[in-house]
Amino acid sequence: MDATQRQAYWRRNLRLMAVLLSIWALVSFGAGILFVEPLNDIVVGGFPLGFWFSQQGSILVFVALIAIYVWRMDKLDAEFGIDEYEQEVHHS
């Protein structure tokens, strides 16, 4: 991979991370702090939704975003011809 391809790969990786972290920030900060009062009017499993988001929701969203990141990076690696196993074997 030449310098231009590395730069394009890294730029797309950073863009993906920025989008996913923005989503997580909006969910954790927005739903858990800013919109907690209106969300508390909705009850899920006996608990106000605002409380649920501040305690559990942001963590579950973060775990889901990690899975999405892994899935998208696998696709990006394949697009740029990066194979982790092959690199490990050559560097050993």
PDB file of N, CA and C in Angstrom:
ATOM      1  N   MET A   1       0.859  -1.168   0.000  1.00  0.00           N
ATOM      2  CA  MET A   1       0.000   0.000   0.000  1.00  0.00           C
ATOM      3  C   MET A   1       0.907   1.233   0.000  1.00  0.00           C
ATOM      4  N   ASP A   2       0.664   2.141  -0.915  1.00  0.00           N
ATOM      5  CA  ASP A   2       1.479   3.351  -0.985  1.00  0.00           C
ATOM      6  C   ASP A   2       0.939   4.416  -0.026  1.00  0.00           C
ATOM      7  N   ALA A   3       1.614   5.541   0.037  1.00  0.00           N
ATOM      8  CA  ALA A   3       1.277   6.603   0.991  1.00  0.00           C
ATOM      9  C   ALA A   3      -0.120   7.172   0.738  1.00  0.00           C
ATOM     10  N   THR A   4      -0.511   7.305  -0.505  1.00  0.00           N
ATOM     11  CA  THR A   4      -1.840   7.836  -0.835  1.00  0.00           C
ATOM     12  C   THR A   4      -2.926   6.888  -0.349  1.00  0.00           C
ATOM     13  N   GLN A   5      -2.735   5.604  -0.555  1.00  0.00           N
ATOM     14  CA  GLN A   5      -3.721   4.624  -0.088  1.00  0.00           C
ATOM     15  C   GLN A   5      -3.779   4.584   1.442  1.00  0.00           C
ATOM     16  N   ARG A   6      -2.636   4.673   2.091  1.00  0.00           N
ATOM     17  CA  ARG A   6      -2.612   4.691   3.565  1.00  0.00           C
ATOM     18  C   ARG A   6      -3.360   5.909   4.098  1.00  0.00           C
ATOM     19  N   GLN A   7      -3.153   7.037   3.439  1.00  0.00           N
ATOM     20  CA  GLN A   7      -3.823   8.262   3.859  1.00  0.00           C
ATOM     21  C   GLN A   7      -5.337   8.138   3.663  1.00  0.00           C
ATOM     22  N   ALA A   8      -5.763   7.586   2.539  1.00  0.00           N
ATOM     23  CA  ALA A   8      -7.199   7.397   2.282  1.00  0.00           C
ATOM     24  C   ALA A   8      -7.796   6.425   3.293  1.00  0.00           C
ATOM     25  N   TYR A   9      -7.076   5.347   3.577  1.00  0.00           N
ATOM     26  CA  TYR A   9      -7.539   4.352   4.556  1.00  0.00           C
ATOM     27  C   TYR A   9      -7.699   4.998   5.928  1.00  0.00           C
ATOM     28  N   TRP A  10      -6.689   5.744   6.361  1.00  0.00           N
ATOM     29  CA  TRP A  10      -6.728   6.367   7.673  1.00  0.00           C
ATOM     30  C   TRP A  10      -7.834   7.415   7.755  1.00  0.00           C
ATOM     31  N   ARG A  11      -8.021   8.190   6.681  1.00  0.00           N
ATOM     32  CA  ARG A  11      -9.068   9.213   6.651  1.00  0.00           C
ATOM     33  C   ARG A  11     -10.443   8.573   6.818  1.00  0.00           C
ATOM     34  N   ARG A  12     -10.675   7.457   6.115  1.00  0.00           N
ATOM     35  CA  ARG A  12     -11.971   6.777   6.225  1.00  0.00           C
ATOM     36  C   ARG A  12     -12.146   6.152   7.599  1.00  0.00           C
ATOM     37  N   ASN A  13     -11.067   5.646   8.176  1.00  0.00           N
ATOM     38  CA  ASN A  13     -11.121   5.096   9.527  1.00  0.00           C
ATOM     39  C   ASN A  13     -11.489   6.201  10.527  1.00  0.00           C
ATOM     40  N   LEU A  14     -10.840   7.348  10.422  1.00  0.00           N
ATOM     41  CA  LEU A  14     -11.137   8.461  11.324  1.00  0.00           C
ATOM     42  C   LEU A  14     -12.561   8.964  11.155  1.00  0.00           C
ATOM     43  N   ARG A  15     -13.040   9.017   9.918  1.00  0.00           N
ATOM     44  CA  ARG A  15     -14.415   9.456   9.671  1.00  0.00           C
ATOM     45  C   ARG A  15     -15.399   8.490  10.326  1.00  0.00           C
ATOM     46  N   LEU A  16     -15.154   7.192  10.179  1.00  0.00           N
ATOM     47  CA  LEU A  16     -16.013   6.190  10.795  1.00  0.00           C
ATOM     48  C   LEU A  16     -16.004   6.343  12.318  1.00  0.00           C
ATOM     49  N   MET A  17     -14.823   6.499  12.912  1.00  0.00           N
ATOM     50  CA  MET A  17     -14.743   6.672  14.361  1.00  0.00           C
ATOM     51  C   MET A  17     -15.466   7.942  14.811  1.00  0.00           C
ATOM     52  N   ALA A  18     -15.329   9.027  14.063  1.00  0.00           N
ATOM     53  CA  ALA A  18     -15.987  10.283  14.429  1.00  0.00           C
ATOM     54  C   ALA A  18     -17.506  10.131  14.398  1.00  0.00           C
ATOM     55  N   VAL A  19     -18.017   9.471  13.377  1.00  0.00           N
ATOM     56  CA  VAL A  19     -19.466   9.266  13.283  1.00  0.00           C
ATOM     57  C   VAL A  19     -19.960   8.406  14.437  1.00  0.00           C
ATOM     58  N   LEU A  20     -19.289   7.291  14.691  1.00  0.00           N
ATOM     59  CA  LEU A  20     -19.734   6.381  15.742  1.00  0.00           C
ATOM     60  C   LEU A  20     -19.617   7.024  17.132  1.00  0.00           C
ATOM     61  N   LEU A  21     -18.529   7.737  17.385  1.00  0.00           N
ATOM     62  CA  LEU A  21     -18.389   8.395  18.683  1.00  0.00           C
ATOM     63  C   LEU A  21     -19.386   9.539  18.843  1.00  0.00           C
ATOM     64  N   SER A  22     -19.734  10.205  17.756  1.00  0.00           N
ATOM     65  CA  SER A  22     -20.764  11.255  17.812  1.00  0.00           C
ATOM     66  C   SER A  22     -22.118  10.657  18.171  1.00  0.00           C
ATOM     67  N   ILE A  23     -22.431   9.520  17.572  1.00  0.00           N
ATOM     68  CA  ILE A  23     -23.685   8.842  17.904  1.00  0.00           C
ATOM     69  C   ILE A  23     -23.701   8.474  19.375  1.00  0.00           C
ATOM     70  N   TRP A  24     -22.600   7.910  19.869  1.00  0.00           N
ATOM     71  CA  TRP A  24     -22.536   7.524  21.274  1.00  0.00           C
ATOM     72  C   TRP A  24     -22.669   8.745  22.189  1.00  0.00           C
ATOM     73  N   ALA A  25     -22.009   9.848  21.834  1.00  0.00           N
ATOM     74  CA  ALA A  25     -22.094  11.066  22.644  1.00  0.00           C
ATOM     75  C   ALA A  25     -23.519  11.600  22.661  1.00  0.00           C
ATOM     76  N   LEU A  26     -24.173  11.595  21.502  1.00  0.00           N
ATOM     77  CA  LEU A  26     -25.558  12.062  21.450  1.00  0.00           C
ATOM     78  C   LEU A  26     -26.475  11.195  22.292  1.00  0.00           C
ATOM     79  N   VAL A  27     -26.280   9.895  22.232  1.00  0.00           N
ATOM     80  CA  VAL A  27     -27.132   8.992  23.000  1.00  0.00           C
ATOM     81  C   VAL A  27     -26.852   9.136  24.494  1.00  0.00           C
ATOM     82  N   SER A  28     -25.585   9.080  24.880  1.00  0.00           N
ATOM     83  CA  SER A  28     -25.270   9.112  26.313  1.00  0.00           C
ATOM     84  C   SER A  28     -25.518  10.490  26.922  1.00  0.00           C
ATOM     85  N   PHE A  29     -25.068  11.533  26.258  1.00  0.00           N
ATOM     86  CA  PHE A  29     -25.245  12.878  26.798  1.00  0.00           C
ATOM     87  C   PHE A  29     -26.664  13.382  26.553  1.00  0.00           C
ATOM     88  N   GLY A  30     -27.131  13.185  25.332  1.00  0.00           N
ATOM     89  CA  GLY A  30     -28.465  13.687  24.981  1.00  0.00           C
ATOM     90  C   GLY A  30     -29.573  12.964  25.717  1.00  0.00           C
ATOM     91  N   ALA A  31     -29.627  11.643  25.574  1.00  0.00           N
ATOM     92  CA  ALA A  31     -30.720  10.887  26.181  1.00  0.00           C
ATOM     93  C   ALA A  31     -30.549  10.767  27.689  1.00  0.00           C
ATOM     94  N   GLY A  32     -29.324  10.708  28.168  1.00  0.00           N
ATOM     95  CA  GLY A  32     -29.097  10.530  29.597  1.00  0.00           C
ATOM     96  C   GLY A  32     -29.104  11.812  30.399  1.00  0.00           C
ATOM     97  N   ILE A  33     -28.877  12.975  29.742  1.00  0.00           N
ATOM     98  CA  ILE A  33     -28.782  14.232  30.482  1.00  0.00           C
ATOM     99  C   ILE A  33     -29.741  15.288  29.925  1.00  0.00           C
ATOM    100  N   LEU A  34     -29.600  15.629  28.647  1.00  0.00           N
ATOM    101  CA  LEU A  34     -30.382  16.732  28.084  1.00  0.00           C
ATOM    102  C   LEU A  34     -31.877  16.431  27.968  1.00  0.00           C
ATOM    103  N   PHE A  35     -32.211  15.244  27.525  1.00  0.00           N
ATOM    104  CA  PHE A  35     -33.620  14.907  27.280  1.00  0.00           C
ATOM    105  C   PHE A  35     -34.179  13.955  28.322  1.00  0.00           C
ATOM    106  N   VAL A  36     -33.575  13.934  29.507  1.00  0.00           N
ATOM    107  CA  VAL A  36     -33.980  12.972  30.524  1.00  0.00           C
ATOM    108  C   VAL A  36     -35.413  13.233  31.002  1.00  0.00           C
ATOM    109  N   GLU A  37     -35.809  14.469  31.153  1.00  0.00           N
ATOM    110  CA  GLU A  37     -37.157  14.769  31.656  1.00  0.00           C
ATOM    111  C   GLU A  37     -38.252  14.282  30.711  1.00  0.00           C
ATOM    112  N   PRO A  38     -38.202  14.629  29.412  1.00  0.00           N
ATOM    113  CA  PRO A  38     -39.247  14.100  28.526  1.00  0.00           C
ATOM    114  C   PRO A  38     -39.190  12.574  28.402  1.00  0.00           C
ATOM    115  N   LEU A  39     -37.985  12.007  28.430  1.00  0.00           N
ATOM    116  CA  LEU A  39     -37.858  10.552  28.327  1.00  0.00           C
ATOM    117  C   LEU A  39     -38.382   9.848  29.574  1.00  0.00           C
ATOM    118  N   ASN A  40     -38.342  10.514  30.719  1.00  0.00           N
ATOM    119  CA  ASN A  40     -38.838   9.904  31.950  1.00  0.00           C
ATOM    120  C   ASN A  40     -40.351   9.712  31.937  1.00  0.00           C
ATOM    121  N   ASP A  41     -41.045  10.384  31.022  1.00  0.00           N
ATOM    122  CA  ASP A  41     -42.488  10.188  30.883  1.00  0.00           C
ATOM    123  C   ASP A  41     -42.807   8.826  30.269  1.00  0.00           C
ATOM    124  N   ILE A  42     -41.822   8.211  29.634  1.00  0.00           N
ATOM    125  CA  ILE A  42     -41.990   6.886  29.019  1.00  0.00           C
ATOM    126  C   ILE A  42     -41.398   5.855  29.973  1.00  0.00           C
ATOM    127  N   VAL A  43     -42.166   4.828  30.285  1.00  0.00           N
ATOM    128  CA  VAL A  43     -41.711   3.801  31.224  1.00  0.00           C
ATOM    129  C   VAL A  43     -41.430   2.516  30.457  1.00  0.00           C
ATOM    130  N   VAL A  44     -40.233   1.945  30.675  1.00  0.00           N
ATOM    131  CA  VAL A  44     -39.836   0.685  30.051  1.00  0.00           C
ATOM    132  C   VAL A  44     -39.429  -0.277  31.162  1.00  0.00           C
ATOM    133  N   GLY A  45     -40.101  -1.400  31.249  1.00  0.00           N
ATOM    134  CA  GLY A  45     -39.773  -2.397  32.262  1.00  0.00           C
ATOM    135  C   GLY A  45     -39.892  -1.874  33.683  1.00  0.00           C
ATOM    136  N   GLY A  46     -40.786  -0.926  33.905  1.00  0.00           N
ATOM    137  CA  GLY A  46     -40.987  -0.374  35.236  1.00  0.00           C
ATOM    138  C   GLY A  46     -40.058   0.765  35.587  1.00  0.00           C
ATOM    139  N   PHE A  47     -39.172   1.145  34.679  1.00  0.00           N
ATOM    140  CA  PHE A  47     -38.235   2.237  34.941  1.00  0.00           C
ATOM    141  C   PHE A  47     -38.443   3.356  33.928  1.00  0.00           C
ATOM    142  N   PRO A  48     -38.287   4.608  34.352  1.00  0.00           N
ATOM    143  CA  PRO A  48     -38.374   5.714  33.393  1.00  0.00           C
ATOM    144  C   PRO A  48     -37.287   5.565  32.315  1.00  0.00           C
ATOM    145  N   LEU A  49     -37.632   5.863  31.073  1.00  0.00           N
ATOM    146  CA  LEU A  49     -36.708   5.693  29.949  1.00  0.00           C
ATOM    147  C   LEU A  49     -35.452   6.550  30.107  1.00  0.00           C
ATOM    148  N   GLY A  50     -35.567   7.756  30.651  1.00  0.00           N
ATOM    149  CA  GLY A  50     -34.386   8.603  30.873  1.00  0.00           C
ATOM    150  C   GLY A  50     -33.407   7.958  31.836  1.00  0.00           C
ATOM    151  N   PHE A  51     -33.931   7.385  32.913  1.00  0.00           N
ATOM    152  CA  PHE A  51     -33.089   6.666  33.869  1.00  0.00           C
ATOM    153  C   PHE A  51     -32.448   5.463  33.193  1.00  0.00           C
ATOM    154  N   TRP A  52     -33.236   4.730  32.413  1.00  0.00           N
ATOM    155  CA  TRP A  52     -32.723   3.545  31.724  1.00  0.00           C
ATOM    156  C   TRP A  52     -31.574   3.916  30.800  1.00  0.00           C
ATOM    157  N   PHE A  53     -31.748   4.998  30.021  1.00  0.00           N
ATOM    158  CA  PHE A  53     -30.681   5.418  29.103  1.00  0.00           C
ATOM    159  C   PHE A  53     -29.425   5.813  29.856  1.00  0.00           C
ATOM    160  N   SER A  54     -29.581   6.521  30.966  1.00  0.00           N
ATOM    161  CA  SER A  54     -28.390   6.960  31.687  1.00  0.00           C
ATOM    162  C   SER A  54     -27.685   5.791  32.369  1.00  0.00           C
ATOM    163  N   GLN A  55     -28.417   4.729  32.706  1.00  0.00           N
ATOM    164  CA  GLN A  55     -27.814   3.595  33.398  1.00  0.00           C
ATOM    165  C   GLN A  55     -27.398   2.469  32.457  1.00  0.00           C
ATOM    166  N   GLN A  56     -28.208   2.157  31.471  1.00  0.00           N
ATOM    167  CA  GLN A  56     -27.969   0.995  30.628  1.00  0.00           C
ATOM    168  C   GLN A  56     -27.865   1.313  29.142  1.00  0.00           C
ATOM    169  N   GLY A  57     -28.702   2.210  28.682  1.00  0.00           N
ATOM    170  CA  GLY A  57     -28.829   2.461  27.248  1.00  0.00           C
ATOM    171  C   GLY A  57     -27.545   2.894  26.578  1.00  0.00           C
ATOM    172  N   SER A  58     -26.826   3.817  27.193  1.00  0.00           N
ATOM    173  CA  SER A  58     -25.594   4.301  26.556  1.00  0.00           C
ATOM    174  C   SER A  58     -24.546   3.197  26.488  1.00  0.00           C
ATOM    175  N   ILE A  59     -24.531   2.314  27.490  1.00  0.00           N
ATOM    176  CA  ILE A  59     -23.580   1.195  27.473  1.00  0.00           C
ATOM    177  C   ILE A  59     -23.927   0.228  26.354  1.00  0.00           C
ATOM    178  N   LEU A  60     -25.223  -0.100  26.215  1.00  0.00           N
ATOM    179  CA  LEU A  60     -25.654  -1.011  25.150  1.00  0.00           C
ATOM    180  C   LEU A  60     -25.401  -0.414  23.772  1.00  0.00           C
ATOM    181  N   VAL A  61     -25.643   0.880  23.634  1.00  0.00           N
ATOM    182  CA  VAL A  61     -25.363   1.553  22.362  1.00  0.00           C
ATOM    183  C   VAL A  61     -23.877   1.502  22.073  1.00  0.00           C
ATOM    184  N   PHE A  62     -23.036   1.709  23.080  1.00  0.00           N
ATOM    185  CA  PHE A  62     -21.593   1.662  22.891  1.00  0.00           C
ATOM    186  C   PHE A  62     -21.151   0.268  22.422  1.00  0.00           C
ATOM    187  N   VAL A  63     -21.688  -0.784  23.028  1.00  0.00           N
ATOM    188  CA  VAL A  63     -21.353  -2.153  22.621  1.00  0.00           C
ATOM    189  C   VAL A  63     -21.796  -2.394  21.172  1.00  0.00           C
ATOM    190  N   ALA A  64     -22.997  -1.914  20.824  1.00  0.00           N
ATOM    191  CA  ALA A  64     -23.479  -2.056  19.445  1.00  0.00           C
ATOM    192  C   ALA A  64     -22.575  -1.295  18.480  1.00  0.00           C
ATOM    193  N   LEU A  65     -22.119  -0.109  18.869  1.00  0.00           N
ATOM    194  CA  LEU A  65     -21.240   0.677  18.005  1.00  0.00           C
ATOM    195  C   LEU A  65     -19.883   0.006  17.827  1.00  0.00           C
ATOM    196  N   ILE A  66     -19.398  -0.695  18.843  1.00  0.00           N
ATOM    197  CA  ILE A  66     -18.158  -1.456  18.696  1.00  0.00           C
ATOM    198  C   ILE A  66     -18.343  -2.542  17.642  1.00  0.00           C
ATOM    199  N   ALA A  67     -19.483  -3.242  17.700  1.00  0.00           N
ATOM    200  CA  ALA A  67     -19.762  -4.285  16.705  1.00  0.00           C
ATOM    201  C   ALA A  67     -19.849  -3.686  15.304  1.00  0.00           C
ATOM    202  N   ILE A  68     -20.487  -2.540  15.185  1.00  0.00           N
ATOM    203  CA  ILE A  68     -20.591  -1.865  13.883  1.00  0.00           C
ATOM    204  C   ILE A  68     -19.200  -1.453  13.394  1.00  0.00           C
ATOM    205  N   TYR A  69     -18.357  -0.953  14.311  1.00  0.00           N
ATOM    206  CA  TYR A  69     -17.001  -0.556  13.937  1.00  0.00           C
ATOM    207  C   TYR A  69     -16.207  -1.749  13.409  1.00  0.00           C
ATOM    208  N   VAL A  70     -16.293  -2.880  14.092  1.00  0.00           N
ATOM    209  CA  VAL A  70     -15.578  -4.085  13.653  1.00  0.00           C
ATOM    210  C   VAL A  70     -16.070  -4.512  12.277  1.00  0.00           C
ATOM    211  N   TRP A  71     -17.376  -4.520  12.087  1.00  0.00           N
ATOM    212  CA  TRP A  71     -17.965  -4.925  10.804  1.00  0.00           C
ATOM    213  C   TRP A  71     -17.513  -3.994   9.676  1.00  0.00           C
ATOM    214  N   ARG A  72     -17.597  -2.667   9.918  1.00  0.00           N
ATOM    215  CA  ARG A  72     -17.216  -1.704   8.885  1.00  0.00           C
ATOM    216  C   ARG A  72     -15.704  -1.733   8.611  1.00  0.00           C
ATOM    217  N   MET A  73     -14.887  -1.941   9.652  1.00  0.00           N
ATOM    218  CA  MET A  73     -13.445  -2.001   9.437  1.00  0.00           C
ATOM    219  C   MET A  73     -13.058  -3.262   8.675  1.00  0.00           C
ATOM    220  N   ASP A  74     -13.758  -4.355   8.915  1.00  0.00           N
ATOM    221  CA  ASP A  74     -13.496  -5.558   8.111  1.00  0.00           C
ATOM    222  C   ASP A  74     -13.761  -5.287   6.637  1.00  0.00           C
ATOM    223  N   LYS A  75     -14.847  -4.560   6.358  1.00  0.00           N
ATOM    224  CA  LYS A  75     -15.158  -4.202   4.967  1.00  0.00           C
ATOM    225  C   LYS A  75     -14.104  -3.252   4.400  1.00  0.00           C
ATOM    226  N   LEU A  76     -13.674  -2.282   5.218  1.00  0.00           N
ATOM    227  CA  LEU A  76     -12.662  -1.330   4.758  1.00  0.00           C
ATOM    228  C   LEU A  76     -11.329  -2.036   4.526  1.00  0.00           C
ATOM    229  N   ASP A  77     -10.959  -2.943   5.431  1.00  0.00           N
ATOM    230  CA  ASP A  77      -9.726  -3.719   5.249  1.00  0.00           C
ATOM    231  C   ASP A  77      -9.776  -4.520   3.958  1.00  0.00           C
ATOM    232  N   ALA A  78     -10.914  -5.150   3.692  1.00  0.00           N
ATOM    233  CA  ALA A  78     -11.054  -5.934   2.467  1.00  0.00           C
ATOM    234  C   ALA A  78     -10.956  -5.036   1.232  1.00  0.00           C
ATOM    235  N   GLU A  79     -11.551  -3.852   1.321  1.00  0.00           N
ATOM    236  CA  GLU A  79     -11.506  -2.913   0.191  1.00  0.00           C
ATOM    237  C   GLU A  79     -10.078  -2.477  -0.122  1.00  0.00           C
ATOM    238  N   PHE A  80      -9.259  -2.310   0.913  1.00  0.00           N
ATOM    239  CA  PHE A  80      -7.875  -1.865   0.723  1.00  0.00           C
ATOM    240  C   PHE A  80      -6.896  -3.033   0.661  1.00  0.00           C
ATOM    241  N   GLY A  81      -7.402  -4.258   0.706  1.00  0.00           N
ATOM    242  CA  GLY A  81      -6.549  -5.428   0.576  1.00  0.00           C
ATOM    243  C   GLY A  81      -5.689  -5.705   1.796  1.00  0.00           C
ATOM    244  N   ILE A  82      -6.193  -5.366   2.962  1.00  0.00           N
ATOM    245  CA  ILE A  82      -5.447  -5.595   4.207  1.00  0.00           C
ATOM    246  C   ILE A  82      -5.931  -6.899   4.816  1.00  0.00           C
ATOM    247  N   ASP A  83      -4.986  -7.773   5.135  1.00  0.00           N
ATOM    248  CA  ASP A  83      -5.301  -9.059   5.740  1.00  0.00           C
ATOM    249  C   ASP A  83      -4.476  -9.189   7.015  1.00  0.00           C
ATOM    250  N   GLU A  84      -5.145  -9.119   8.180  1.00  0.00           N
ATOM    251  CA  GLU A  84      -4.424  -9.149   9.453  1.00  0.00           C
ATOM    252  C   GLU A  84      -3.643 -10.441   9.625  1.00  0.00           C
ATOM    253  N   TYR A  85      -4.222 -11.576   9.262  1.00  0.00           N
ATOM    254  CA  TYR A  85      -3.555 -12.855   9.451  1.00  0.00           C
ATOM    255  C   TYR A  85      -2.275 -12.909   8.625  1.00  0.00           C
ATOM    256  N   GLU A  86      -2.375 -12.446   7.399  1.00  0.00           N
ATOM    257  CA  GLU A  86      -1.204 -12.453   6.516  1.00  0.00           C
ATOM    258  C   GLU A  86      -0.102 -11.579   7.067  1.00  0.00           C
ATOM    259  N   GLN A  87      -0.472 -10.413   7.643  1.00  0.00           N
ATOM    260  CA  GLN A  87       0.534  -9.511   8.207  1.00  0.00           C
ATOM    261  C   GLN A  87       1.188 -10.134   9.432  1.00  0.00           C
ATOM    262  N   GLU A  88       0.404 -10.812  10.278  1.00  0.00           N
ATOM    263  CA  GLU A  88       0.971 -11.455  11.465  1.00  0.00           C
ATOM    264  C   GLU A  88       1.973 -12.537  11.086  1.00  0.00           C
ATOM    265  N   VAL A  89       1.667 -13.311  10.053  1.00  0.00           N
ATOM    266  CA  VAL A  89       2.541 -14.389   9.627  1.00  0.00           C
ATOM    267  C   VAL A  89       3.851 -13.823   9.084  1.00  0.00           C
ATOM    268  N   HIS A  90       3.775 -12.738   8.319  1.00  0.00           N
ATOM    269  CA  HIS A  90       4.981 -12.162   7.716  1.00  0.00           C
ATOM    270  C   HIS A  90       5.857 -11.458   8.749  1.00  0.00           C
ATOM    271  N   HIS A  91       5.257 -10.946   9.832  1.00  0.00           N
ATOM    272  CA  HIS A  91       6.031 -10.242  10.843  1.00  0.00           C
ATOM    273  C   HIS A  91       6.574 -11.156  11.921  1.00  0.00           C
ATOM    274  N   SER A  92       6.132 -12.404  11.956  1.00  0.00           N
ATOM    275  CA  SER A  92       6.596 -13.333  12.996  1.00  0.00           C
ATOM    276  C   SER A  92       7.983 -13.850  12.707  1.00  0.00           C
TER     277      SER A  92
END
